[in-house]
PDB file of all heavy atoms in Angstrom:
ATOM      1  N   ASP A   1     102.252 101.215  70.200  1.00  0.00           N
ATOM      2  CA  ASP A   1     102.750 102.188  71.252  1.00  0.00           C
ATOM      3  C   ASP A   1     101.693 102.272  72.336  1.00  0.00           C
ATOM      4  O   ASP A   1     102.041 102.399  73.518  1.00  0.00           O
ATOM      5  CB  ASP A   1     102.923 103.523  70.601  1.00  0.00           C
ATOM      6  CG  ASP A   1     104.048 103.583  69.615  1.00  0.00           C
ATOM      7  OD1 ASP A   1     104.995 102.818  69.779  1.00  0.00           O
ATOM      8  OD2 ASP A   1     103.951 104.460  68.671  1.00  0.00           O
ATOM      9  N   VAL A   2     100.400 102.292  72.026  1.00  0.00           N
ATOM     10  CA  VAL A   2      99.389 102.362  73.045  1.00  0.00           C
ATOM     11  C   VAL A   2      99.383 101.166  73.915  1.00  0.00           C
ATOM     12  O   VAL A   2      99.350 101.281  75.148  1.00  0.00           O
ATOM     13  CB  VAL A   2      98.025 102.484  72.380  1.00  0.00           C
ATOM     14  CG1 VAL A   2      96.892 102.536  73.405  1.00  0.00           C
ATOM     15  CG2 VAL A   2      97.933 103.790  71.493  1.00  0.00           C
ATOM     16  N   TYR A   3      99.556 100.019  73.375  1.00  0.00           N
ATOM     17  CA  TYR A   3      99.535  98.747  74.182  1.00  0.00           C
ATOM     18  C   TYR A   3     100.765  98.695  75.040  1.00  0.00           C
ATOM     19  O   TYR A   3     100.775  98.069  76.147  1.00  0.00           O
ATOM     20  CB  TYR A   3      99.377  97.538  73.274  1.00  0.00           C
ATOM     21  CG  TYR A   3      98.004  97.136  73.014  1.00  0.00           C
ATOM     22  CD1 TYR A   3      97.236  97.675  71.961  1.00  0.00           C
ATOM     23  CD2 TYR A   3      97.357  96.182  73.908  1.00  0.00           C
ATOM     24  CE1 TYR A   3      95.896  97.316  71.789  1.00  0.00           C
ATOM     25  CE2 TYR A   3      96.015  95.921  73.754  1.00  0.00           C
ATOM     26  CZ  TYR A   3      95.306  96.452  72.635  1.00  0.00           C
ATOM     27  OH  TYR A   3      93.971  96.061  72.457  1.00  0.00           O
ATOM     28  N   ARG A   4     101.879  99.218  74.561  1.00  0.00           N
ATOM     29  CA  ARG A   4     103.140  99.145  75.330  1.00  0.00           C
ATOM     30  C   ARG A   4     103.047 100.036  76.541  1.00  0.00           C
ATOM     31  O   ARG A   4     103.758  99.802  77.599  1.00  0.00           O
ATOM     32  CB  ARG A   4     104.342  99.618  74.457  1.00  0.00           C
ATOM     33  CG  ARG A   4     104.944  98.449  73.678  1.00  0.00           C
ATOM     34  CD  ARG A   4     106.408  98.771  73.261  1.00  0.00           C
ATOM     35  NE  ARG A   4     106.490 100.081  72.605  1.00  0.00           N
ATOM     36  CZ  ARG A   4     106.402 100.285  71.296  1.00  0.00           C
ATOM     37  NH1 ARG A   4     106.229  99.232  70.520  1.00  0.00           N
ATOM     38  NH2 ARG A   4     106.522 101.489  70.780  1.00  0.00           N
ATOM     39  N   THR A   5     102.338 101.117  76.482  1.00  0.00           N
ATOM     40  CA  THR A   5     102.448 102.208  77.487  1.00  0.00           C
ATOM     41  C   THR A   5     101.140 102.320  78.373  1.00  0.00           C
ATOM     42  O   THR A   5     101.114 103.222  79.224  1.00  0.00           O
ATOM     43  CB  THR A   5     102.822 103.548  76.922  1.00  0.00           C
ATOM     44  OG1 THR A   5     101.745 103.889  75.911  1.00  0.00           O
ATOM     45  CG2 THR A   5     104.159 103.475  76.179  1.00  0.00           C
ATOM     46  N   SER A   6     100.168 101.499  78.095  1.00  0.00           N
ATOM     47  CA  SER A   6      98.877 101.642  78.765  1.00  0.00           C
ATOM     48  C   SER A   6      98.322 100.327  79.162  1.00  0.00           C
ATOM     49  O   SER A   6      98.772  99.267  78.746  1.00  0.00           O
ATOM     50  CB  SER A   6      97.806 102.365  77.827  1.00  0.00           C
ATOM     51  OG  SER A   6      98.332 103.582  77.340  1.00  0.00           O
ATOM     52  N   ILE A   7      97.333 100.416  80.128  1.00  0.00           N
ATOM     53  CA  ILE A   7      96.634  99.231  80.493  1.00  0.00           C
ATOM     54  C   ILE A   7      95.356  99.134  79.622  1.00  0.00           C
ATOM     55  O   ILE A   7      94.478  99.949  79.685  1.00  0.00           O
ATOM     56  CB  ILE A   7      96.214  99.283  81.959  1.00  0.00           C
ATOM     57  CG1 ILE A   7      97.436  99.339  82.916  1.00  0.00           C
ATOM     58  CG2 ILE A   7      95.305  98.128  82.360  1.00  0.00           C
ATOM     59  CD1 ILE A   7      97.081  99.509  84.350  1.00  0.00           C
ATOM     60  N   ILE A   8      95.360  98.137  78.777  1.00  0.00           N
ATOM     61  CA  ILE A   8      94.259  97.886  77.903  1.00  0.00           C
ATOM     62  C   ILE A   8      93.590  96.536  78.228  1.00  0.00           C
ATOM     63  O   ILE A   8      94.233  95.453  78.252  1.00  0.00           O
ATOM     64  CB  ILE A   8      94.715  97.880  76.380  1.00  0.00           C
ATOM     65  CG1 ILE A   8      95.496  99.057  76.084  1.00  0.00           C
ATOM     66  CG2 ILE A   8      93.454  97.681  75.440  1.00  0.00           C
ATOM     67  CD1 ILE A   8      94.769 100.352  76.055  1.00  0.00           C
ATOM     68  N   GLU A   9      92.264  96.598  78.570  1.00  0.00           N
ATOM     69  CA  GLU A   9      91.593  95.404  79.025  1.00  0.00           C
ATOM     70  C   GLU A   9      90.195  95.328  78.276  1.00  0.00           C
ATOM     71  O   GLU A   9      89.690  96.398  77.893  1.00  0.00           O
ATOM     72  CB  GLU A   9      91.301  95.419  80.512  1.00  0.00           C
ATOM     73  CG  GLU A   9      92.609  95.313  81.320  1.00  0.00           C
ATOM     74  CD  GLU A   9      92.276  95.171  82.804  1.00  0.00           C
ATOM     75  OE1 GLU A   9      92.048  96.212  83.452  1.00  0.00           O
ATOM     76  OE2 GLU A   9      92.286  94.041  83.295  1.00  0.00           O
ATOM     77  N   PRO A  10      89.671  94.106  78.080  1.00  0.00           N
ATOM     78  CA  PRO A  10      88.416  93.969  77.435  1.00  0.00           C
ATOM     79  C   PRO A  10      87.254  94.491  78.221  1.00  0.00           C
ATOM     80  O   PRO A  10      86.137  94.753  77.729  1.00  0.00           O
ATOM     81  CB  PRO A  10      88.267  92.503  77.145  1.00  0.00           C
ATOM     82  CG  PRO A  10      89.208  91.834  78.148  1.00  0.00           C
ATOM     83  CD  PRO A  10      90.299  92.834  78.299  1.00  0.00           C
ATOM     84  N   GLU A  11      87.464  94.663  79.513  1.00  0.00           N
ATOM     85  CA  GLU A  11      86.442  95.248  80.436  1.00  0.00           C
ATOM     86  C   GLU A  11      87.086  96.326  81.339  1.00  0.00           C
ATOM     87  O   GLU A  11      88.117  96.121  81.840  1.00  0.00           O
ATOM     88  CB  GLU A  11      85.785  94.166  81.311  1.00  0.00           C
ATOM     89  CG  GLU A  11      84.938  93.129  80.572  1.00  0.00           C
ATOM     90  CD  GLU A  11      84.262  92.213  81.471  1.00  0.00           C
ATOM     91  OE1 GLU A  11      84.668  92.136  82.729  1.00  0.00           O
ATOM     92  OE2 GLU A  11      83.289  91.528  81.087  1.00  0.00           O
ATOM     93  N   VAL A  12      86.384  97.436  81.421  1.00  0.00           N
ATOM     94  CA  VAL A  12      86.862  98.568  82.216  1.00  0.00           C
ATOM     95  C   VAL A  12      85.804  98.834  83.243  1.00  0.00           C
ATOM     96  O   VAL A  12      84.663  99.177  82.977  1.00  0.00           O
ATOM     97  CB  VAL A  12      87.117  99.812  81.333  1.00  0.00           C
ATOM     98  CG1 VAL A  12      87.490 100.989  82.248  1.00  0.00           C
ATOM     99  CG2 VAL A  12      88.129  99.582  80.256  1.00  0.00           C
ATOM    100  N   MET A  13      86.203  98.597  84.494  1.00  0.00           N
ATOM    101  CA  MET A  13      85.229  98.799  85.584  1.00  0.00           C
ATOM    102  C   MET A  13      85.477 100.115  86.256  1.00  0.00           C
ATOM    103  O   MET A  13      86.639 100.480  86.598  1.00  0.00           O
ATOM    104  CB  MET A  13      85.309  97.661  86.622  1.00  0.00           C
ATOM    105  CG  MET A  13      84.365  97.767  87.765  1.00  0.00           C
ATOM    106  SD  MET A  13      84.439  96.335  88.905  1.00  0.00           S
ATOM    107  CE  MET A  13      83.514  95.132  87.927  1.00  0.00           C
ATOM    108  N   LEU A  14      84.419 100.910  86.501  1.00  0.00           N
ATOM    109  CA  LEU A  14      84.552 102.237  87.088  1.00  0.00           C
ATOM    110  C   LEU A  14      83.794 102.231  88.469  1.00  0.00           C
ATOM    111  O   LEU A  14      82.682 101.688  88.556  1.00  0.00           O
ATOM    112  CB  LEU A  14      83.952 103.282  86.191  1.00  0.00           C
ATOM    113  CG  LEU A  14      84.496 103.377  84.775  1.00  0.00           C
ATOM    114  CD1 LEU A  14      83.758 104.379  83.956  1.00  0.00           C
ATOM    115  CD2 LEU A  14      86.013 103.659  84.783  1.00  0.00           C
ATOM    116  N   ASN A  15      84.342 102.854  89.403  1.00  0.00           N
ATOM    117  CA  ASN A  15      83.671 103.138  90.670  1.00  0.00           C
ATOM    118  C   ASN A  15      83.284 104.629  90.757  1.00  0.00           C
ATOM    119  O   ASN A  15      84.066 105.480  90.950  1.00  0.00           O
ATOM    120  CB  ASN A  15      84.715 102.782  91.835  1.00  0.00           C
ATOM    121  CG  ASN A  15      84.055 102.909  93.201  1.00  0.00           C
ATOM    122  OD1 ASN A  15      82.925 103.413  93.299  1.00  0.00           O
ATOM    123  ND2 ASN A  15      84.800 102.507  94.218  1.00  0.00           N
ATOM    124  N   GLN A  16      81.964 104.799  90.573  1.00  0.00           N
ATOM    125  CA  GLN A  16      81.468 106.139  90.518  1.00  0.00           C
ATOM    126  C   GLN A  16      80.416 106.304  91.600  1.00  0.00           C
ATOM    127  O   GLN A  16      79.420 105.658  91.647  1.00  0.00           O
ATOM    128  CB  GLN A  16      80.782 106.432  89.131  1.00  0.00           C
ATOM    129  CG  GLN A  16      80.017 107.769  89.056  1.00  0.00           C
ATOM    130  CD  GLN A  16      80.962 109.012  89.107  1.00  0.00           C
ATOM    131  OE1 GLN A  16      82.175 108.869  89.055  1.00  0.00           O
ATOM    132  NE2 GLN A  16      80.399 110.119  89.177  1.00  0.00           N
ATOM    133  N   ASP A  17      80.741 107.182  92.573  1.00  0.00           N
ATOM    134  CA  ASP A  17      79.819 107.407  93.633  1.00  0.00           C
ATOM    135  C   ASP A  17      79.477 106.214  94.397  1.00  0.00           C
ATOM    136  O   ASP A  17      78.331 106.038  94.858  1.00  0.00           O
ATOM    137  CB  ASP A  17      78.602 108.164  93.170  1.00  0.00           C
ATOM    138  CG  ASP A  17      78.877 109.569  92.619  1.00  0.00           C
ATOM    139  OD1 ASP A  17      79.921 110.203  93.031  1.00  0.00           O
ATOM    140  OD2 ASP A  17      78.102 110.036  91.763  1.00  0.00           O
ATOM    141  N   GLY A  18      80.462 105.303  94.595  1.00  0.00           N
ATOM    142  CA  GLY A  18      80.263 104.074  95.320  1.00  0.00           C
ATOM    143  C   GLY A  18      79.555 102.975  94.582  1.00  0.00           C
ATOM    144  O   GLY A  18      79.319 101.902  95.158  1.00  0.00           O
ATOM    145  N   GLN A  19      79.180 103.183  93.307  1.00  0.00           N
ATOM    146  CA  GLN A  19      78.548 102.201  92.516  1.00  0.00           C
ATOM    147  C   GLN A  19      79.484 101.722  91.449  1.00  0.00           C
ATOM    148  O   GLN A  19      80.422 102.448  91.007  1.00  0.00           O
ATOM    149  CB  GLN A  19      77.243 102.791  91.838  1.00  0.00           C
ATOM    150  CG  GLN A  19      76.206 103.200  92.801  1.00  0.00           C
ATOM    151  CD  GLN A  19      75.695 102.089  93.687  1.00  0.00           C
ATOM    152  OE1 GLN A  19      75.573 100.962  93.295  1.00  0.00           O
ATOM    153  NE2 GLN A  19      75.381 102.425  94.961  1.00  0.00           N
ATOM    154  N   LEU A  20      79.289 100.468  90.969  1.00  0.00           N
ATOM    155  CA  LEU A  20      80.258  99.857  90.017  1.00  0.00           C
ATOM    156  C   LEU A  20      79.590  99.730  88.632  1.00  0.00           C
ATOM    157  O   LEU A  20      78.415  99.357  88.566  1.00  0.00           O
ATOM    158  CB  LEU A  20      80.672  98.484  90.519  1.00  0.00           C
ATOM    159  CG  LEU A  20      81.322  98.439  91.841  1.00  0.00           C
ATOM    160  CD1 LEU A  20      81.727  96.997  92.179  1.00  0.00           C
ATOM    161  CD2 LEU A  20      82.541  99.362  91.983  1.00  0.00           C
ATOM    162  N   TYR A  21      80.299 100.100  87.617  1.00  0.00           N
ATOM    163  CA  TYR A  21      79.859 100.080  86.239  1.00  0.00           C
ATOM    164  C   TYR A  21      80.982  99.400  85.422  1.00  0.00           C
ATOM    165  O   TYR A  21      82.138  99.751  85.570  1.00  0.00           O
ATOM    166  CB  TYR A  21      79.555 101.510  85.676  1.00  0.00           C
ATOM    167  CG  TYR A  21      78.590 102.273  86.525  1.00  0.00           C
ATOM    168  CD1 TYR A  21      79.015 102.989  87.624  1.00  0.00           C
ATOM    169  CD2 TYR A  21      77.207 102.230  86.242  1.00  0.00           C
ATOM    170  CE1 TYR A  21      78.077 103.724  88.397  1.00  0.00           C
ATOM    171  CE2 TYR A  21      76.279 102.961  86.940  1.00  0.00           C
ATOM    172  CZ  TYR A  21      76.752 103.720  88.067  1.00  0.00           C
ATOM    173  OH  TYR A  21      75.855 104.428  88.847  1.00  0.00           O
ATOM    174  N   THR A  22      80.562  98.498  84.530  1.00  0.00           N
ATOM    175  CA  THR A  22      81.529  97.826  83.651  1.00  0.00           C
ATOM    176  C   THR A  22      81.285  98.132  82.161  1.00  0.00           C
ATOM    177  O   THR A  22      80.190  97.944  81.663  1.00  0.00           O
ATOM    178  CB  THR A  22      81.443  96.350  83.867  1.00  0.00           C
ATOM    179  OG1 THR A  22      81.721  95.971  85.216  1.00  0.00           O
ATOM    180  CG2 THR A  22      82.454  95.609  83.000  1.00  0.00           C
ATOM    181  N   LEU A  23      82.283  98.686  81.490  1.00  0.00           N
ATOM    182  CA  LEU A  23      82.245  98.935  80.075  1.00  0.00           C
ATOM    183  C   LEU A  23      82.968  97.794  79.388  1.00  0.00           C
ATOM    184  O   LEU A  23      84.115  97.470  79.668  1.00  0.00           O
ATOM    185  CB  LEU A  23      82.937 100.280  79.758  1.00  0.00           C
ATOM    186  CG  LEU A  23      82.235 101.529  80.363  1.00  0.00           C
ATOM    187  CD1 LEU A  23      83.245 102.596  80.555  1.00  0.00           C
ATOM    188  CD2 LEU A  23      81.094 101.964  79.541  1.00  0.00           C
ATOM    189  N   ALA A  24      82.191  97.166  78.392  1.00  0.00           N
ATOM    190  CA  ALA A  24      82.745  95.991  77.734  1.00  0.00           C
ATOM    191  C   ALA A  24      83.226  96.353  76.295  1.00  0.00           C
ATOM    192  O   ALA A  24      82.441  96.937  75.586  1.00  0.00           O
ATOM    193  CB  ALA A  24      81.710  94.887  77.681  1.00  0.00           C
ATOM    194  N   LEU A  25      84.434  96.010  76.004  1.00  0.00           N
ATOM    195  CA  LEU A  25      85.031  96.293  74.726  1.00  0.00           C
ATOM    196  C   LEU A  25      84.917  95.047  73.797  1.00  0.00           C
ATOM    197  O   LEU A  25      85.249  93.991  74.234  1.00  0.00           O
ATOM    198  CB  LEU A  25      86.453  96.819  74.776  1.00  0.00           C
ATOM    199  CG  LEU A  25      86.686  98.256  75.209  1.00  0.00           C
ATOM    200  CD1 LEU A  25      86.168  98.559  76.585  1.00  0.00           C
ATOM    201  CD2 LEU A  25      88.095  98.620  75.028  1.00  0.00           C
ATOM    202  N   THR A  26      84.592  95.271  72.505  1.00  0.00           N
ATOM    203  CA  THR A  26      84.563  94.195  71.563  1.00  0.00           C
ATOM    204  C   THR A  26      85.966  94.042  70.926  1.00  0.00           C
ATOM    205  O   THR A  26      86.888  94.816  71.206  1.00  0.00           O
ATOM    206  CB  THR A  26      83.621  94.516  70.411  1.00  0.00           C
ATOM    207  OG1 THR A  26      84.090  95.709  69.736  1.00  0.00           O
ATOM    208  CG2 THR A  26      82.208  94.744  70.960  1.00  0.00           C
ATOM    209  N   ASP A  27      86.127  93.003  70.147  1.00  0.00           N
ATOM    210  CA  ASP A  27      87.397  92.812  69.448  1.00  0.00           C
ATOM    211  C   ASP A  27      87.742  94.018  68.567  1.00  0.00           C
ATOM    212  O   ASP A  27      88.881  94.461  68.510  1.00  0.00           O
ATOM    213  CB  ASP A  27      87.369  91.524  68.502  1.00  0.00           C
ATOM    214  CG  ASP A  27      87.398  90.308  69.338  1.00  0.00           C
ATOM    215  OD1 ASP A  27      87.723  90.330  70.539  1.00  0.00           O
ATOM    216  OD2 ASP A  27      87.053  89.241  68.814  1.00  0.00           O
ATOM    217  N   TYR A  28      86.728  94.564  67.972  1.00  0.00           N
ATOM    218  CA  TYR A  28      86.944  95.835  67.133  1.00  0.00           C
ATOM    219  C   TYR A  28      87.411  96.970  67.995  1.00  0.00           C
ATOM    220  O   TYR A  28      88.312  97.685  67.615  1.00  0.00           O
ATOM    221  CB  TYR A  28      85.605  96.189  66.459  1.00  0.00           C
ATOM    222  CG  TYR A  28      85.645  97.560  65.751  1.00  0.00           C
ATOM    223  CD1 TYR A  28      86.051  97.588  64.389  1.00  0.00           C
ATOM    224  CD2 TYR A  28      85.320  98.776  66.460  1.00  0.00           C
ATOM    225  CE1 TYR A  28      86.166  98.843  63.736  1.00  0.00           C
ATOM    226  CE2 TYR A  28      85.435  99.958  65.761  1.00  0.00           C
ATOM    227  CZ  TYR A  28      85.784  99.979  64.414  1.00  0.00           C
ATOM    228  OH  TYR A  28      85.905 101.213  63.755  1.00  0.00           O
ATOM    229  N   ASP A  29      86.804  97.156  69.204  1.00  0.00           N
ATOM    230  CA  ASP A  29      87.202  98.212  70.108  1.00  0.00           C
ATOM    231  C   ASP A  29      88.647  98.035  70.525  1.00  0.00           C
ATOM    232  O   ASP A  29      89.367  99.033  70.604  1.00  0.00           O
ATOM    233  CB  ASP A  29      86.308  98.177  71.336  1.00  0.00           C
ATOM    234  CG  ASP A  29      84.854  98.457  71.019  1.00  0.00           C
ATOM    235  OD1 ASP A  29      84.590  99.147  70.075  1.00  0.00           O
ATOM    236  OD2 ASP A  29      84.000  97.982  71.791  1.00  0.00           O
ATOM    237  N   LEU A  30      89.082  96.863  70.830  1.00  0.00           N
ATOM    238  CA  LEU A  30      90.484  96.546  71.248  1.00  0.00           C
ATOM    239  C   LEU A  30      91.488  96.901  70.142  1.00  0.00           C
ATOM    240  O   LEU A  30      92.724  97.008  70.518  1.00  0.00           O
ATOM    241  CB  LEU A  30      90.545  95.192  71.731  1.00  0.00           C
ATOM    242  CG  LEU A  30      89.804  94.800  73.016  1.00  0.00           C
ATOM    243  CD1 LEU A  30      89.796  93.325  73.278  1.00  0.00           C
ATOM    244  CD2 LEU A  30      90.403  95.634  74.195  1.00  0.00           C
ATOM    245  N   LYS A  31      91.046  97.023  68.911  1.00  0.00           N
ATOM    246  CA  LYS A  31      91.988  97.377  67.827  1.00  0.00           C
ATOM    247  C   LYS A  31      91.786  98.832  67.428  1.00  0.00           C
ATOM    248  O   LYS A  31      92.773  99.406  66.972  1.00  0.00           O
ATOM    249  CB  LYS A  31      91.703  96.501  66.592  1.00  0.00           C
ATOM    250  CG  LYS A  31      92.074  95.032  66.866  1.00  0.00           C
ATOM    251  CD  LYS A  31      91.706  94.223  65.633  1.00  0.00           C
ATOM    252  CE  LYS A  31      91.947  92.720  65.818  1.00  0.00           C
ATOM    253  NZ  LYS A  31      91.554  91.997  64.633  1.00  0.00           N
ATOM    254  N   HIS A  32      90.582  99.411  67.580  1.00  0.00           N
ATOM    255  CA  HIS A  32      90.366 100.695  66.919  1.00  0.00           C
ATOM    256  C   HIS A  32      89.780 101.750  67.847  1.00  0.00           C
ATOM    257  O   HIS A  32      89.732 102.992  67.478  1.00  0.00           O
ATOM    258  CB  HIS A  32      89.355 100.561  65.768  1.00  0.00           C
ATOM    259  CG  HIS A  32      89.975  99.644  64.606  1.00  0.00           C
ATOM    260  ND1 HIS A  32      91.051  99.978  63.922  1.00  0.00           N
ATOM    261  CD2 HIS A  32      89.581  98.432  64.175  1.00  0.00           C
ATOM    262  CE1 HIS A  32      91.324  98.982  63.073  1.00  0.00           C
ATOM    263  NE2 HIS A  32      90.461  98.119  63.201  1.00  0.00           N
ATOM    264  N   ARG A  33      89.262 101.440  68.968  1.00  0.00           N
ATOM    265  CA  ARG A  33      88.744 102.422  69.934  1.00  0.00           C
ATOM    266  C   ARG A  33      88.939 101.905  71.332  1.00  0.00           C
ATOM    267  O   ARG A  33      87.974 101.644  72.118  1.00  0.00           O
ATOM    268  CB  ARG A  33      87.268 102.819  69.616  1.00  0.00           C
ATOM    269  CG  ARG A  33      86.319 101.629  69.613  1.00  0.00           C
ATOM    270  CD  ARG A  33      85.001 101.983  68.927  1.00  0.00           C
ATOM    271  NE  ARG A  33      84.199 102.854  69.630  1.00  0.00           N
ATOM    272  CZ  ARG A  33      83.260 102.569  70.525  1.00  0.00           C
ATOM    273  NH1 ARG A  33      83.100 101.261  70.867  1.00  0.00           N
ATOM    274  NH2 ARG A  33      82.539 103.451  71.107  1.00  0.00           N
ATOM    275  N   MET A  34      90.178 101.930  71.780  1.00  0.00           N
ATOM    276  CA  MET A  34      90.518 101.430  73.101  1.00  0.00           C
ATOM    277  C   MET A  34      90.063 102.378  74.220  1.00  0.00           C
ATOM    278  O   MET A  34      89.832 103.588  73.900  1.00  0.00           O
ATOM    279  CB  MET A  34      92.064 101.250  73.222  1.00  0.00           C
ATOM    280  CG  MET A  34      92.554 100.010  72.451  1.00  0.00           C
ATOM    281  SD  MET A  34      92.799 100.469  70.765  1.00  0.00           S
ATOM    282  CE  MET A  34      94.281 101.566  70.843  1.00  0.00           C
ATOM    283  N   LEU A  35      89.962 101.857  75.348  1.00  0.00           N
ATOM    284  CA  LEU A  35      89.548 102.708  76.555  1.00  0.00           C
ATOM    285  C   LEU A  35      90.562 102.523  77.638  1.00  0.00           C
ATOM    286  O   LEU A  35      90.865 101.370  78.051  1.00  0.00           O
ATOM    287  CB  LEU A  35      88.139 102.268  76.997  1.00  0.00           C
ATOM    288  CG  LEU A  35      87.431 103.227  77.976  1.00  0.00           C
ATOM    289  CD1 LEU A  35      87.098 104.549  77.282  1.00  0.00           C
ATOM    290  CD2 LEU A  35      86.120 102.595  78.432  1.00  0.00           C
ATOM    291  N   VAL A  36      91.107 103.640  78.117  1.00  0.00           N
ATOM    292  CA  VAL A  36      92.125 103.615  79.169  1.00  0.00           C
ATOM    293  C   VAL A  36      91.650 104.359  80.315  1.00  0.00           C
ATOM    294  O   VAL A  36      91.199 105.517  80.260  1.00  0.00           O
ATOM    295  CB  VAL A  36      93.455 104.264  78.620  1.00  0.00           C
ATOM    296  CG1 VAL A  36      94.541 104.115  79.701  1.00  0.00           C
ATOM    297  CG2 VAL A  36      93.931 103.491  77.335  1.00  0.00           C
ATOM    298  N   LYS A  37      91.702 103.720  81.520  1.00  0.00           N
ATOM    299  CA  LYS A  37      91.202 104.338  82.760  1.00  0.00           C
ATOM    300  C   LYS A  37      92.306 105.023  83.571  1.00  0.00           C
ATOM    301  O   LYS A  37      93.368 104.517  83.745  1.00  0.00           O
ATOM    302  CB  LYS A  37      90.552 103.214  83.590  1.00  0.00           C
ATOM    303  CG  LYS A  37      89.976 103.772  84.959  1.00  0.00           C
ATOM    304  CD  LYS A  37      89.222 102.736  85.670  1.00  0.00           C
ATOM    305  CE  LYS A  37      90.019 101.624  86.202  1.00  0.00           C
ATOM    306  NZ  LYS A  37      89.333 100.733  87.116  1.00  0.00           N
ATOM    307  N   PHE A  38      91.974 106.262  83.963  1.00  0.00           N
ATOM    308  CA  PHE A  38      92.834 107.035  84.808  1.00  0.00           C
ATOM    309  C   PHE A  38      92.015 107.432  86.044  1.00  0.00           C
ATOM    310  O   PHE A  38      90.805 107.185  86.026  1.00  0.00           O
ATOM    311  CB  PHE A  38      93.329 108.314  84.155  1.00  0.00           C
ATOM    312  CG  PHE A  38      94.154 108.100  82.922  1.00  0.00           C
ATOM    313  CD1 PHE A  38      93.571 108.093  81.678  1.00  0.00           C
ATOM    314  CD2 PHE A  38      95.467 107.947  83.013  1.00  0.00           C
ATOM    315  CE1 PHE A  38      94.310 107.865  80.495  1.00  0.00           C
ATOM    316  CE2 PHE A  38      96.303 107.757  81.891  1.00  0.00           C
ATOM    317  CZ  PHE A  38      95.676 107.677  80.659  1.00  0.00           C
ATOM    318  N   ASP A  39      92.596 108.013  86.978  1.00  0.00           N
ATOM    319  CA  ASP A  39      91.871 108.559  88.144  1.00  0.00           C
ATOM    320  C   ASP A  39      90.835 109.620  87.668  1.00  0.00           C
ATOM    321  O   ASP A  39      91.233 110.621  87.069  1.00  0.00           O
ATOM    322  CB  ASP A  39      92.766 109.146  89.216  1.00  0.00           C
ATOM    323  CG  ASP A  39      93.638 108.177  89.941  1.00  0.00           C
ATOM    324  OD1 ASP A  39      93.125 107.053  90.070  1.00  0.00           O
ATOM    325  OD2 ASP A  39      94.766 108.463  90.338  1.00  0.00           O
ATOM    326  N   ASP A  40      89.592 109.388  87.825  1.00  0.00           N
ATOM    327  CA  ASP A  40      88.498 110.363  87.559  1.00  0.00           C
ATOM    328  C   ASP A  40      88.151 110.524  86.078  1.00  0.00           C
ATOM    329  O   ASP A  40      87.142 111.065  85.780  1.00  0.00           O
ATOM    330  CB  ASP A  40      88.812 111.759  88.117  1.00  0.00           C
ATOM    331  CG  ASP A  40      89.029 111.758  89.617  1.00  0.00           C
ATOM    332  OD1 ASP A  40      88.324 110.952  90.294  1.00  0.00           O
ATOM    333  OD2 ASP A  40      89.877 112.430  90.117  1.00  0.00           O
ATOM    334  N   ILE A  41      88.959 110.069  85.164  1.00  0.00           N
ATOM    335  CA  ILE A  41      88.718 110.242  83.750  1.00  0.00           C
ATOM    336  C   ILE A  41      89.075 108.947  82.979  1.00  0.00           C
ATOM    337  O   ILE A  41      89.771 108.118  83.524  1.00  0.00           O
ATOM    338  CB  ILE A  41      89.485 111.430  83.063  1.00  0.00           C
ATOM    339  CG1 ILE A  41      90.954 111.176  83.167  1.00  0.00           C
ATOM    340  CG2 ILE A  41      89.078 112.764  83.797  1.00  0.00           C
ATOM    341  CD1 ILE A  41      91.813 112.192  82.369  1.00  0.00           C
TER     342      ILE A  41
END
């Protein structure tokens, strides 16, 4: 259900105060602790 309705990627890049940060997910993360990016959160 999560994969059908969300954008799940192995890397999540955030633009915070004009700087770029990349959060990298492992294979374990992609199965058990996914990260989904929205505006501001």
